């Protein structure tokens, strides 16, 4: 039967620098490196599954993350970066969670797959990554067989406010403020394939969740390309492709010299209710939401696909 439906889509989505206070937890004394290389060429059913979950904290993993002490008192601990006198401590807790899954299922047909995964839990710098994956997949149906696949990654980072002291990697760097505010950011990417009878697909993922200093950004990049299966000589890739990107960004405000006296905090009031005029809580909003950004980008195409390309780039770091 001759194809009567074709669709060509090229889409680029870019999300960069939404936040100005983000930082990542540093590496642990013991670091791991995980590497996987896989090649499959088979005429017949395939079942494949990969799963990775990594959680870490600049302090330790516990139920009270970012919540302070159990009784609410201002005691000296990492989760609550204010000591018993109310003074700001140098270190505020930062936590991150990375999850990744990759699943593929066929009930027959010709599958050709090249796949690599690398995960390094050590500190990273710009243009280096904790998690990297690459996949090249071609599929051709035999006797009505189909392919289904899903790839999904999430990067979830949150932190309490902390002093900017000793937070920058470069010795010449100067932070614009004395405090890095609290934040809570979550980014996800997902691609799905369904009812595929003929298709060539390539995906790449880059993710950073560990760094030694606040000027190294948390980041995630993802790209998917869908083309006809050249080995079959067809004009179309046949099946359903869905791609979804989401970002939930919650940022607090920092302390600023509002009255221009050269001293941050002295008389710098955002507002001054009579019952609490002049108190530190009304001067600085390190732990209160000041900006909320939510992004959802999704697309699903079905039928004869001549071309689909979609890319997502996210990066967020402390500005200097």
C-alpha atoms as a PDB file:
ATOM      1  CA  UNK A   1       0.000   0.000   0.000  1.00  0.00           C
ATOM      2  CA  UNK A   2       1.347   3.429  -0.904  1.00  0.00           C
ATOM      3  CA  UNK A   3       1.873   5.909   1.891  1.00  0.00           C
ATOM      4  CA  UNK A   4      -0.489   8.884   1.733  1.00  0.00           C
ATOM      5  CA  UNK A   5       0.574  10.692   4.921  1.00  0.00           C
ATOM      6  CA  UNK A   6       3.958  12.222   5.653  1.00  0.00           C
ATOM      7  CA  UNK A   7       5.178  14.660   8.249  1.00  0.00           C
ATOM      8  CA  UNK A   8       8.450  16.529   8.615  1.00  0.00           C
ATOM      9  CA  UNK A   9       9.256  18.344  11.842  1.00  0.00           C
ATOM     10  CA  UNK A  10      12.369  20.110  13.075  1.00  0.00           C
ATOM     11  CA  UNK A  11      12.078  21.644  16.547  1.00  0.00           C
ATOM     12  CA  UNK A  12      14.590  23.234  18.884  1.00  0.00           C
ATOM     13  CA  UNK A  13      13.819  24.161  22.483  1.00  0.00           C
ATOM     14  CA  UNK A  14      16.365  26.092  24.528  1.00  0.00           C
ATOM     15  CA  UNK A  15      16.176  26.898  28.239  1.00  0.00           C
ATOM     16  CA  UNK A  16      19.307  28.533  29.594  1.00  0.00           C
ATOM     17  CA  UNK A  17      20.128  30.526  32.704  1.00  0.00           C
ATOM     18  CA  UNK A  18      16.724  30.777  34.323  1.00  0.00           C
ATOM     19  CA  UNK A  19      18.278  30.765  37.773  1.00  0.00           C
ATOM     20  CA  UNK A  20      20.996  32.810  39.415  1.00  0.00           C
ATOM     21  CA  UNK A  21      21.553  30.893  42.621  1.00  0.00           C
ATOM     22  CA  UNK A  22      21.992  27.249  41.692  1.00  0.00           C
ATOM     23  CA  UNK A  23      24.791  24.996  42.832  1.00  0.00           C
ATOM     24  CA  UNK A  24      25.463  21.270  42.948  1.00  0.00           C
ATOM     25  CA  UNK A  25      26.569  18.961  45.764  1.00  0.00           C
ATOM     26  CA  UNK A  26      30.280  18.057  45.659  1.00  0.00           C
ATOM     27  CA  UNK A  27      31.721  14.599  45.081  1.00  0.00           C
ATOM     28  CA  UNK A  28      32.081  12.090  47.901  1.00  0.00           C
ATOM     29  CA  UNK A  29      35.364  10.573  49.169  1.00  0.00           C
ATOM     30  CA  UNK A  30      34.582   7.388  47.247  1.00  0.00           C
ATOM     31  CA  UNK A  31      33.571   7.877  43.614  1.00  0.00           C
ATOM     32  CA  UNK A  32      32.213   5.421  41.083  1.00  0.00           C
ATOM     33  CA  UNK A  33      32.560   5.128  37.307  1.00  0.00           C
ATOM     34  CA  UNK A  34      30.031   2.992  35.421  1.00  0.00           C
ATOM     35  CA  UNK A  35      30.439   2.319  31.700  1.00  0.00           C
ATOM     36  CA  UNK A  36      28.346   0.194  29.368  1.00  0.00           C
ATOM     37  CA  UNK A  37      28.770  -0.582  25.660  1.00  0.00           C
ATOM     38  CA  UNK A  38      26.129  -2.644  23.882  1.00  0.00           C
ATOM     39  CA  UNK A  39      25.620  -3.815  20.305  1.00  0.00           C
ATOM     40  CA  UNK A  40      22.631  -5.888  19.187  1.00  0.00           C
ATOM     41  CA  UNK A  41      21.824  -7.225  15.724  1.00  0.00           C
ATOM     42  CA  UNK A  42      19.023  -9.755  15.856  1.00  0.00           C
ATOM     43  CA  UNK A  43      16.106 -11.104  13.841  1.00  0.00           C
ATOM     44  CA  UNK A  44      13.615 -11.910  16.555  1.00  0.00           C
ATOM     45  CA  UNK A  45      12.182 -10.556  19.834  1.00  0.00           C
ATOM     46  CA  UNK A  46      14.195  -8.145  21.998  1.00  0.00           C
ATOM     47  CA  UNK A  47      13.625  -7.098  25.618  1.00  0.00           C
ATOM     48  CA  UNK A  48      15.991  -4.453  27.035  1.00  0.00           C
ATOM     49  CA  UNK A  49      15.869  -2.405  30.243  1.00  0.00           C
ATOM     50  CA  UNK A  50      18.318   0.051  31.860  1.00  0.00           C
ATOM     51  CA  UNK A  51      17.659   1.926  35.120  1.00  0.00           C
ATOM     52  CA  UNK A  52      19.814   4.334  37.144  1.00  0.00           C
ATOM     53  CA  UNK A  53      18.921   6.304  40.290  1.00  0.00           C
ATOM     54  CA  UNK A  54      21.471   8.447  42.138  1.00  0.00           C
ATOM     55  CA  UNK A  55      20.703  10.618  45.182  1.00  0.00           C
ATOM     56  CA  UNK A  56      23.249  12.746  46.999  1.00  0.00           C
ATOM     57  CA  UNK A  57      23.597  15.540  49.537  1.00  0.00           C
ATOM     58  CA  UNK A  58      26.298  17.953  50.600  1.00  0.00           C
ATOM     59  CA  UNK A  59      25.438  16.771  54.138  1.00  0.00           C
ATOM     60  CA  UNK A  60      23.718  13.382  54.326  1.00  0.00           C
ATOM     61  CA  UNK A  61      20.489  11.850  53.033  1.00  0.00           C
ATOM     62  CA  UNK A  62      17.792  12.216  55.683  1.00  0.00           C
ATOM     63  CA  UNK A  63      14.096  12.950  56.053  1.00  0.00           C
ATOM     64  CA  UNK A  64      14.660  16.504  57.264  1.00  0.00           C
ATOM     65  CA  UNK A  65      16.415  17.856  54.189  1.00  0.00           C
ATOM     66  CA  UNK A  66      15.865  21.621  53.901  1.00  0.00           C
ATOM     67  CA  UNK A  67      13.476  21.532  56.866  1.00  0.00           C
ATOM     68  CA  UNK A  68      15.752  22.583  59.727  1.00  0.00           C
ATOM     69  CA  UNK A  69      15.702  20.923  63.116  1.00  0.00           C
ATOM     70  CA  UNK A  70      12.841  18.703  64.225  1.00  0.00           C
ATOM     71  CA  UNK A  71      11.657  21.141  66.889  1.00  0.00           C
ATOM     72  CA  UNK A  72      11.998  24.197  64.647  1.00  0.00           C
ATOM     73  CA  UNK A  73      14.706  25.782  66.825  1.00  0.00           C
ATOM     74  CA  UNK A  74      17.520  27.714  65.136  1.00  0.00           C
ATOM     75  CA  UNK A  75      20.261  25.247  66.003  1.00  0.00           C
ATOM     76  CA  UNK A  76      23.586  24.846  64.220  1.00  0.00           C
ATOM     77  CA  UNK A  77      23.030  22.212  61.516  1.00  0.00           C
ATOM     78  CA  UNK A  78      23.472  21.952  57.766  1.00  0.00           C
ATOM     79  CA  UNK A  79      19.773  21.799  56.933  1.00  0.00           C
ATOM     80  CA  UNK A  80      19.193  25.104  58.732  1.00  0.00           C
ATOM     81  CA  UNK A  81      22.195  27.350  57.918  1.00  0.00           C
ATOM     82  CA  UNK A  82      21.579  29.712  60.879  1.00  0.00           C
ATOM     83  CA  UNK A  83      23.371  29.094  64.151  1.00  0.00           C
ATOM     84  CA  UNK A  84      21.972  29.481  67.666  1.00  0.00           C
ATOM     85  CA  UNK A  85      22.620  33.234  67.622  1.00  0.00           C
ATOM     86  CA  UNK A  86      20.790  33.714  64.316  1.00  0.00           C
ATOM     87  CA  UNK A  87      24.001  34.269  62.335  1.00  0.00           C
ATOM     88  CA  UNK A  88      24.288  32.819  58.832  1.00  0.00           C
ATOM     89  CA  UNK A  89      26.581  29.812  58.582  1.00  0.00           C
ATOM     90  CA  UNK A  90      28.880  29.373  55.584  1.00  0.00           C
ATOM     91  CA  UNK A  91      27.332  26.098  54.423  1.00  0.00           C
ATOM     92  CA  UNK A  92      23.701  25.416  53.463  1.00  0.00           C
ATOM     93  CA  UNK A  93      22.611  21.965  52.364  1.00  0.00           C
ATOM     94  CA  UNK A  94      22.230  21.093  48.667  1.00  0.00           C
ATOM     95  CA  UNK A  95      20.724  17.828  47.423  1.00  0.00           C
ATOM     96  CA  UNK A  96      20.294  16.321  43.972  1.00  0.00           C
ATOM     97  CA  UNK A  97      18.563  13.323  42.433  1.00  0.00           C
ATOM     98  CA  UNK A  98      19.279  11.888  38.991  1.00  0.00           C
ATOM     99  CA  UNK A  99      17.088   9.195  37.455  1.00  0.00           C
ATOM    100  CA  UNK A 100      17.405   7.507  34.068  1.00  0.00           C
ATOM    101  CA  UNK A 101      15.499   4.676  32.376  1.00  0.00           C
ATOM    102  CA  UNK A 102      15.748   3.129  28.913  1.00  0.00           C
ATOM    103  CA  UNK A 103      13.417   0.349  27.819  1.00  0.00           C
ATOM    104  CA  UNK A 104      12.930  -1.400  24.472  1.00  0.00           C
ATOM    105  CA  UNK A 105      10.585  -4.216  23.462  1.00  0.00           C
ATOM    106  CA  UNK A 106       9.908  -5.970  20.151  1.00  0.00           C
ATOM    107  CA  UNK A 107       7.914  -9.070  19.272  1.00  0.00           C
ATOM    108  CA  UNK A 108      10.118  -9.855  16.277  1.00  0.00           C
ATOM    109  CA  UNK A 109      11.604  -8.080  13.293  1.00  0.00           C
ATOM    110  CA  UNK A 110      15.160  -6.975  12.546  1.00  0.00           C
ATOM    111  CA  UNK A 111      16.711  -4.827  15.295  1.00  0.00           C
ATOM    112  CA  UNK A 112      20.119  -3.175  15.073  1.00  0.00           C
ATOM    113  CA  UNK A 113      21.173  -1.288  18.215  1.00  0.00           C
ATOM    114  CA  UNK A 114      24.363   0.454  19.348  1.00  0.00           C
ATOM    115  CA  UNK A 115      24.189   1.830  22.900  1.00  0.00           C
ATOM    116  CA  UNK A 116      26.647   3.397  25.352  1.00  0.00           C
ATOM    117  CA  UNK A 117      26.189   4.660  28.920  1.00  0.00           C
ATOM    118  CA  UNK A 118      28.703   6.304  31.207  1.00  0.00           C
ATOM    119  CA  UNK A 119      28.167   7.583  34.762  1.00  0.00           C
ATOM    120  CA  UNK A 120      30.923   9.253  36.801  1.00  0.00           C
ATOM    121  CA  UNK A 121      30.089  10.434  40.335  1.00  0.00           C
ATOM    122  CA  UNK A 122      33.115  12.754  40.574  1.00  0.00           C
ATOM    123  CA  UNK A 123      33.175  16.561  40.387  1.00  0.00           C
ATOM    124  CA  UNK A 124      32.668  17.911  36.880  1.00  0.00           C
ATOM    125  CA  UNK A 125      33.652  21.136  35.129  1.00  0.00           C
ATOM    126  CA  UNK A 126      31.977  22.944  32.229  1.00  0.00           C
ATOM    127  CA  UNK A 127      31.621  20.704  29.157  1.00  0.00           C
ATOM    128  CA  UNK A 128      32.091  17.521  31.202  1.00  0.00           C
ATOM    129  CA  UNK A 129      29.228  15.326  32.373  1.00  0.00           C
ATOM    130  CA  UNK A 130      28.287  12.902  35.122  1.00  0.00           C
ATOM    131  CA  UNK A 131      25.863  10.953  32.932  1.00  0.00           C
ATOM    132  CA  UNK A 132      26.220  10.461  29.163  1.00  0.00           C
ATOM    133  CA  UNK A 133      24.265   8.130  26.884  1.00  0.00           C
ATOM    134  CA  UNK A 134      24.184   7.572  23.121  1.00  0.00           C
ATOM    135  CA  UNK A 135      21.870   5.281  21.200  1.00  0.00           C
ATOM    136  CA  UNK A 136      21.571   4.437  17.488  1.00  0.00           C
ATOM    137  CA  UNK A 137      18.600   2.212  16.660  1.00  0.00           C
ATOM    138  CA  UNK A 138      17.219   0.903  13.364  1.00  0.00           C
ATOM    139  CA  UNK A 139      14.235  -1.397  13.092  1.00  0.00           C
ATOM    140  CA  UNK A 140      12.387  -3.221  10.320  1.00  0.00           C
ATOM    141  CA  UNK A 141       9.160  -5.175  10.840  1.00  0.00           C
ATOM    142  CA  UNK A 142       8.823  -8.799   9.777  1.00  0.00           C
ATOM    143  CA  UNK A 143       5.401 -10.509   9.518  1.00  0.00           C
ATOM    144  CA  UNK A 144       3.622  -7.667  11.317  1.00  0.00           C
ATOM    145  CA  UNK A 145       6.033  -7.256  14.239  1.00  0.00           C
ATOM    146  CA  UNK A 146       6.373  -3.882  15.996  1.00  0.00           C
ATOM    147  CA  UNK A 147       8.741  -2.042  18.327  1.00  0.00           C
ATOM    148  CA  UNK A 148       8.072   0.061  21.435  1.00  0.00           C
ATOM    149  CA  UNK A 149      10.681   2.026  23.417  1.00  0.00           C
ATOM    150  CA  UNK A 150      10.966   4.701  26.122  1.00  0.00           C
ATOM    151  CA  UNK A 151      13.880   6.820  27.343  1.00  0.00           C
ATOM    152  CA  UNK A 152      13.489   9.180  30.309  1.00  0.00           C
ATOM    153  CA  UNK A 153      15.833  11.293  32.466  1.00  0.00           C
ATOM    154  CA  UNK A 154      15.221  13.658  35.388  1.00  0.00           C
ATOM    155  CA  UNK A 155      17.492  16.120  37.184  1.00  0.00           C
ATOM    156  CA  UNK A 156      16.124  17.365  40.519  1.00  0.00           C
ATOM    157  CA  UNK A 157      18.271  19.788  42.552  1.00  0.00           C
ATOM    158  CA  UNK A 158      17.316  21.772  45.679  1.00  0.00           C
ATOM    159  CA  UNK A 159      19.282  23.788  48.218  1.00  0.00           C
ATOM    160  CA  UNK A 160      18.909  25.948  51.279  1.00  0.00           C
ATOM    161  CA  UNK A 161      20.465  29.406  51.268  1.00  0.00           C
ATOM    162  CA  UNK A 162      24.139  29.764  52.174  1.00  0.00           C
ATOM    163  CA  UNK A 163      27.027  32.198  52.279  1.00  0.00           C
ATOM    164  CA  UNK A 164      28.970  32.744  49.050  1.00  0.00           C
ATOM    165  CA  UNK A 165      32.250  32.393  50.956  1.00  0.00           C
ATOM    166  CA  UNK A 166      34.630  29.969  49.215  1.00  0.00           C
ATOM    167  CA  UNK A 167      31.930  29.019  46.700  1.00  0.00           C
ATOM    168  CA  UNK A 168      33.680  29.893  43.422  1.00  0.00           C
ATOM    169  CA  UNK A 169      36.211  27.789  41.561  1.00  0.00           C
ATOM    170  CA  UNK A 170      38.060  30.705  39.971  1.00  0.00           C
ATOM    171  CA  UNK A 171      40.152  32.707  42.460  1.00  0.00           C
ATOM    172  CA  UNK A 172      39.412  35.900  40.487  1.00  0.00           C
ATOM    173  CA  UNK A 173      35.650  35.382  40.552  1.00  0.00           C
ATOM    174  CA  UNK A 174      33.533  37.690  42.663  1.00  0.00           C
ATOM    175  CA  UNK A 175      29.971  36.857  43.638  1.00  0.00           C
ATOM    176  CA  UNK A 176      27.476  39.679  43.178  1.00  0.00           C
ATOM    177  CA  UNK A 177      25.948  38.984  46.604  1.00  0.00           C
ATOM    178  CA  UNK A 178      27.059  37.634  49.968  1.00  0.00           C
ATOM    179  CA  UNK A 179      24.334  34.973  50.036  1.00  0.00           C
ATOM    180  CA  UNK A 180      23.243  32.317  47.543  1.00  0.00           C
ATOM    181  CA  UNK A 181      19.451  32.007  47.917  1.00  0.00           C
ATOM    182  CA  UNK A 182      17.455  28.792  48.254  1.00  0.00           C
ATOM    183  CA  UNK A 183      16.081  27.099  45.131  1.00  0.00           C
ATOM    184  CA  UNK A 184      14.246  23.985  43.970  1.00  0.00           C
ATOM    185  CA  UNK A 185      14.525  22.959  40.307  1.00  0.00           C
ATOM    186  CA  UNK A 186      13.391  19.856  38.432  1.00  0.00           C
ATOM    187  CA  UNK A 187      13.918  19.107  34.740  1.00  0.00           C
ATOM    188  CA  UNK A 188      12.708  16.050  32.800  1.00  0.00           C
ATOM    189  CA  UNK A 189      13.079  14.710  29.270  1.00  0.00           C
ATOM    190  CA  UNK A 190      11.255  11.753  27.766  1.00  0.00           C
ATOM    191  CA  UNK A 191      10.963  10.164  24.325  1.00  0.00           C
ATOM    192  CA  UNK A 192       8.634   7.299  23.409  1.00  0.00           C
ATOM    193  CA  UNK A 193       8.305   5.071  20.353  1.00  0.00           C
ATOM    194  CA  UNK A 194       5.185   2.993  19.711  1.00  0.00           C
ATOM    195  CA  UNK A 195       3.787   0.778  16.938  1.00  0.00           C
ATOM    196  CA  UNK A 196       7.030   1.159  14.992  1.00  0.00           C
ATOM    197  CA  UNK A 197       7.369  -0.947  11.835  1.00  0.00           C
ATOM    198  CA  UNK A 198      10.272   0.885  10.183  1.00  0.00           C
ATOM    199  CA  UNK A 199      12.468   3.596  11.683  1.00  0.00           C
ATOM    200  CA  UNK A 200      15.993   4.878  12.355  1.00  0.00           C
ATOM    201  CA  UNK A 201      16.436   6.730  15.675  1.00  0.00           C
ATOM    202  CA  UNK A 202      19.399   8.398  17.349  1.00  0.00           C
ATOM    203  CA  UNK A 203      19.356   9.917  20.868  1.00  0.00           C
ATOM    204  CA  UNK A 204      22.010  11.593  23.029  1.00  0.00           C
ATOM    205  CA  UNK A 205      21.861  12.644  26.687  1.00  0.00           C
ATOM    206  CA  UNK A 206      24.290  14.739  28.763  1.00  0.00           C
ATOM    207  CA  UNK A 207      23.662  15.478  32.459  1.00  0.00           C
ATOM    208  CA  UNK A 208      25.685  17.158  35.238  1.00  0.00           C
ATOM    209  CA  UNK A 209      24.703  16.665  38.904  1.00  0.00           C
ATOM    210  CA  UNK A 210      28.011  16.992  40.837  1.00  0.00           C
ATOM    211  CA  UNK A 211      30.473  19.882  41.094  1.00  0.00           C
ATOM    212  CA  UNK A 212      32.964  21.343  43.560  1.00  0.00           C
ATOM    213  CA  UNK A 213      31.922  25.000  43.209  1.00  0.00           C
ATOM    214  CA  UNK A 214      28.809  27.091  42.609  1.00  0.00           C
ATOM    215  CA  UNK A 215      30.001  28.515  39.275  1.00  0.00           C
ATOM    216  CA  UNK A 216      29.751  25.062  37.627  1.00  0.00           C
ATOM    217  CA  UNK A 217      26.193  24.765  36.351  1.00  0.00           C
ATOM    218  CA  UNK A 218      23.709  22.000  36.829  1.00  0.00           C
ATOM    219  CA  UNK A 219      22.834  21.025  33.267  1.00  0.00           C
ATOM    220  CA  UNK A 220      20.994  18.559  31.054  1.00  0.00           C
ATOM    221  CA  UNK A 221      21.001  18.283  27.240  1.00  0.00           C
ATOM    222  CA  UNK A 222      18.929  15.867  25.153  1.00  0.00           C
ATOM    223  CA  UNK A 223      18.494  15.360  21.428  1.00  0.00           C
ATOM    224  CA  UNK A 224      16.506  12.924  19.295  1.00  0.00           C
ATOM    225  CA  UNK A 225      16.622  12.388  15.517  1.00  0.00           C
ATOM    226  CA  UNK A 226      14.116  10.213  13.657  1.00  0.00           C
ATOM    227  CA  UNK A 227      14.680   9.228   9.994  1.00  0.00           C
ATOM    228  CA  UNK A 228      13.540   6.561   7.542  1.00  0.00           C
ATOM    229  CA  UNK A 229      15.388   3.237   7.727  1.00  0.00           C
ATOM    230  CA  UNK A 230      17.939   3.676   4.908  1.00  0.00           C
ATOM    231  CA  UNK A 231      18.629  -0.061   4.783  1.00  0.00           C
ATOM    232  CA  UNK A 232      15.051  -0.595   3.636  1.00  0.00           C
ATOM    233  CA  UNK A 233      15.199   2.212   1.089  1.00  0.00           C
ATOM    234  CA  UNK A 234      11.897   3.660   2.299  1.00  0.00           C
ATOM    235  CA  UNK A 235      10.833   7.297   2.133  1.00  0.00           C
ATOM    236  CA  UNK A 236       9.245   7.305   5.557  1.00  0.00           C
ATOM    237  CA  UNK A 237       9.773   6.122   9.090  1.00  0.00           C
ATOM    238  CA  UNK A 238       6.546   4.406  10.151  1.00  0.00           C
ATOM    239  CA  UNK A 239       5.246   4.549  13.735  1.00  0.00           C
ATOM    240  CA  UNK A 240       4.442   6.921  16.579  1.00  0.00           C
ATOM    241  CA  UNK A 241       7.022   9.211  18.221  1.00  0.00           C
ATOM    242  CA  UNK A 242       6.425  11.328  21.323  1.00  0.00           C
ATOM    243  CA  UNK A 243       8.855  13.760  22.985  1.00  0.00           C
ATOM    244  CA  UNK A 244       8.259  15.738  26.203  1.00  0.00           C
ATOM    245  CA  UNK A 245      10.430  18.295  28.021  1.00  0.00           C
ATOM    246  CA  UNK A 246       9.472  19.873  31.351  1.00  0.00           C
ATOM    247  CA  UNK A 247      11.119  22.337  33.712  1.00  0.00           C
ATOM    248  CA  UNK A 248       9.913  23.511  37.130  1.00  0.00           C
ATOM    249  CA  UNK A 249      12.073  26.350  38.485  1.00  0.00           C
ATOM    250  CA  UNK A 250      11.576  27.918  41.933  1.00  0.00           C
ATOM    251  CA  UNK A 251      14.046  30.588  43.049  1.00  0.00           C
ATOM    252  CA  UNK A 252      14.370  32.799  46.126  1.00  0.00           C
ATOM    253  CA  UNK A 253      15.619  36.389  46.173  1.00  0.00           C
ATOM    254  CA  UNK A 254      18.979  37.459  47.588  1.00  0.00           C
ATOM    255  CA  UNK A 255      20.027  40.258  49.903  1.00  0.00           C
ATOM    256  CA  UNK A 256      20.713  43.620  48.230  1.00  0.00           C
ATOM    257  CA  UNK A 257      21.914  47.087  49.187  1.00  0.00           C
ATOM    258  CA  UNK A 258      18.571  48.781  48.576  1.00  0.00           C
ATOM    259  CA  UNK A 259      19.389  52.100  50.252  1.00  0.00           C
ATOM    260  CA  UNK A 260      22.796  52.472  48.604  1.00  0.00           C
ATOM    261  CA  UNK A 261      24.835  52.818  51.793  1.00  0.00           C
ATOM    262  CA  UNK A 262      27.323  50.149  50.713  1.00  0.00           C
ATOM    263  CA  UNK A 263      26.275  47.737  53.462  1.00  0.00           C
ATOM    264  CA  UNK A 264      23.934  44.853  52.640  1.00  0.00           C
ATOM    265  CA  UNK A 265      21.258  44.414  55.304  1.00  0.00           C
ATOM    266  CA  UNK A 266      21.543  47.703  57.198  1.00  0.00           C
ATOM    267  CA  UNK A 267      18.205  49.434  56.673  1.00  0.00           C
ATOM    268  CA  UNK A 268      17.564  47.532  53.437  1.00  0.00           C
ATOM    269  CA  UNK A 269      13.889  46.722  53.933  1.00  0.00           C
ATOM    270  CA  UNK A 270      11.650  45.242  51.245  1.00  0.00           C
ATOM    271  CA  UNK A 271       8.726  46.156  53.459  1.00  0.00           C
ATOM    272  CA  UNK A 272       8.408  46.839  57.165  1.00  0.00           C
ATOM    273  CA  UNK A 273       5.219  45.760  58.951  1.00  0.00           C
ATOM    274  CA  UNK A 274       4.969  47.546  62.273  1.00  0.00           C
ATOM    275  CA  UNK A 275       5.115  44.332  64.265  1.00  0.00           C
ATOM    276  CA  UNK A 276       8.408  43.247  62.756  1.00  0.00           C
ATOM    277  CA  UNK A 277      10.056  46.356  61.330  1.00  0.00           C
ATOM    278  CA  UNK A 278      13.798  46.092  60.952  1.00  0.00           C
ATOM    279  CA  UNK A 279      14.063  42.360  61.609  1.00  0.00           C
ATOM    280  CA  UNK A 280      16.326  40.316  59.365  1.00  0.00           C
ATOM    281  CA  UNK A 281      13.456  38.205  58.015  1.00  0.00           C
ATOM    282  CA  UNK A 282      11.926  41.293  56.412  1.00  0.00           C
ATOM    283  CA  UNK A 283      15.259  42.463  55.003  1.00  0.00           C
ATOM    284  CA  UNK A 284      16.294  39.281  53.197  1.00  0.00           C
ATOM    285  CA  UNK A 285      14.260  36.731  51.273  1.00  0.00           C
ATOM    286  CA  UNK A 286      16.833  33.957  50.924  1.00  0.00           C
ATOM    287  CA  UNK A 287      14.228  31.298  51.763  1.00  0.00           C
ATOM    288  CA  UNK A 288      11.098  32.744  50.088  1.00  0.00           C
ATOM    289  CA  UNK A 289      10.032  32.126  46.488  1.00  0.00           C
ATOM    290  CA  UNK A 290      10.649  35.178  44.320  1.00  0.00           C
ATOM    291  CA  UNK A 291      10.395  33.617  40.865  1.00  0.00           C
ATOM    292  CA  UNK A 292       8.509  30.551  39.625  1.00  0.00           C
ATOM    293  CA  UNK A 293       8.915  29.307  36.038  1.00  0.00           C
ATOM    294  CA  UNK A 294       7.206  26.238  34.582  1.00  0.00           C
ATOM    295  CA  UNK A 295       7.839  24.961  31.063  1.00  0.00           C
ATOM    296  CA  UNK A 296       6.156  22.059  29.261  1.00  0.00           C
ATOM    297  CA  UNK A 297       7.016  21.225  25.654  1.00  0.00           C
ATOM    298  CA  UNK A 298       5.481  18.107  24.120  1.00  0.00           C
ATOM    299  CA  UNK A 299       4.880  16.669  20.662  1.00  0.00           C
ATOM    300  CA  UNK A 300       3.470  13.408  19.268  1.00  0.00           C
ATOM    301  CA  UNK A 301       3.554  12.425  15.597  1.00  0.00           C
ATOM    302  CA  UNK A 302       2.059   9.323  13.986  1.00  0.00           C
ATOM    303  CA  UNK A 303       2.280   7.900  10.478  1.00  0.00           C
ATOM    304  CA  UNK A 304       4.890   8.304   7.772  1.00  0.00           C
ATOM    305  CA  UNK A 305       7.656  10.487   9.194  1.00  0.00           C
ATOM    306  CA  UNK A 306      10.214  11.963   6.820  1.00  0.00           C
ATOM    307  CA  UNK A 307      12.192  13.805   9.532  1.00  0.00           C
ATOM    308  CA  UNK A 308      11.886  14.660  13.213  1.00  0.00           C
ATOM    309  CA  UNK A 309      14.613  16.446  15.204  1.00  0.00           C
ATOM    310  CA  UNK A 310      14.111  17.821  18.688  1.00  0.00           C
ATOM    311  CA  UNK A 311      16.703  19.167  21.129  1.00  0.00           C
ATOM    312  CA  UNK A 312      16.585  20.447  24.707  1.00  0.00           C
ATOM    313  CA  UNK A 313      19.317  22.300  26.626  1.00  0.00           C
ATOM    314  CA  UNK A 314      19.091  23.353  30.288  1.00  0.00           C
ATOM    315  CA  UNK A 315      21.752  25.059  32.372  1.00  0.00           C
ATOM    316  CA  UNK A 316      21.565  26.944  35.667  1.00  0.00           C
ATOM    317  CA  UNK A 317      24.412  28.278  37.821  1.00  0.00           C
ATOM    318  CA  UNK A 318      25.430  31.004  40.249  1.00  0.00           C
ATOM    319  CA  UNK A 319      26.087  34.266  38.391  1.00  0.00           C
ATOM    320  CA  UNK A 320      29.161  36.305  39.218  1.00  0.00           C
END
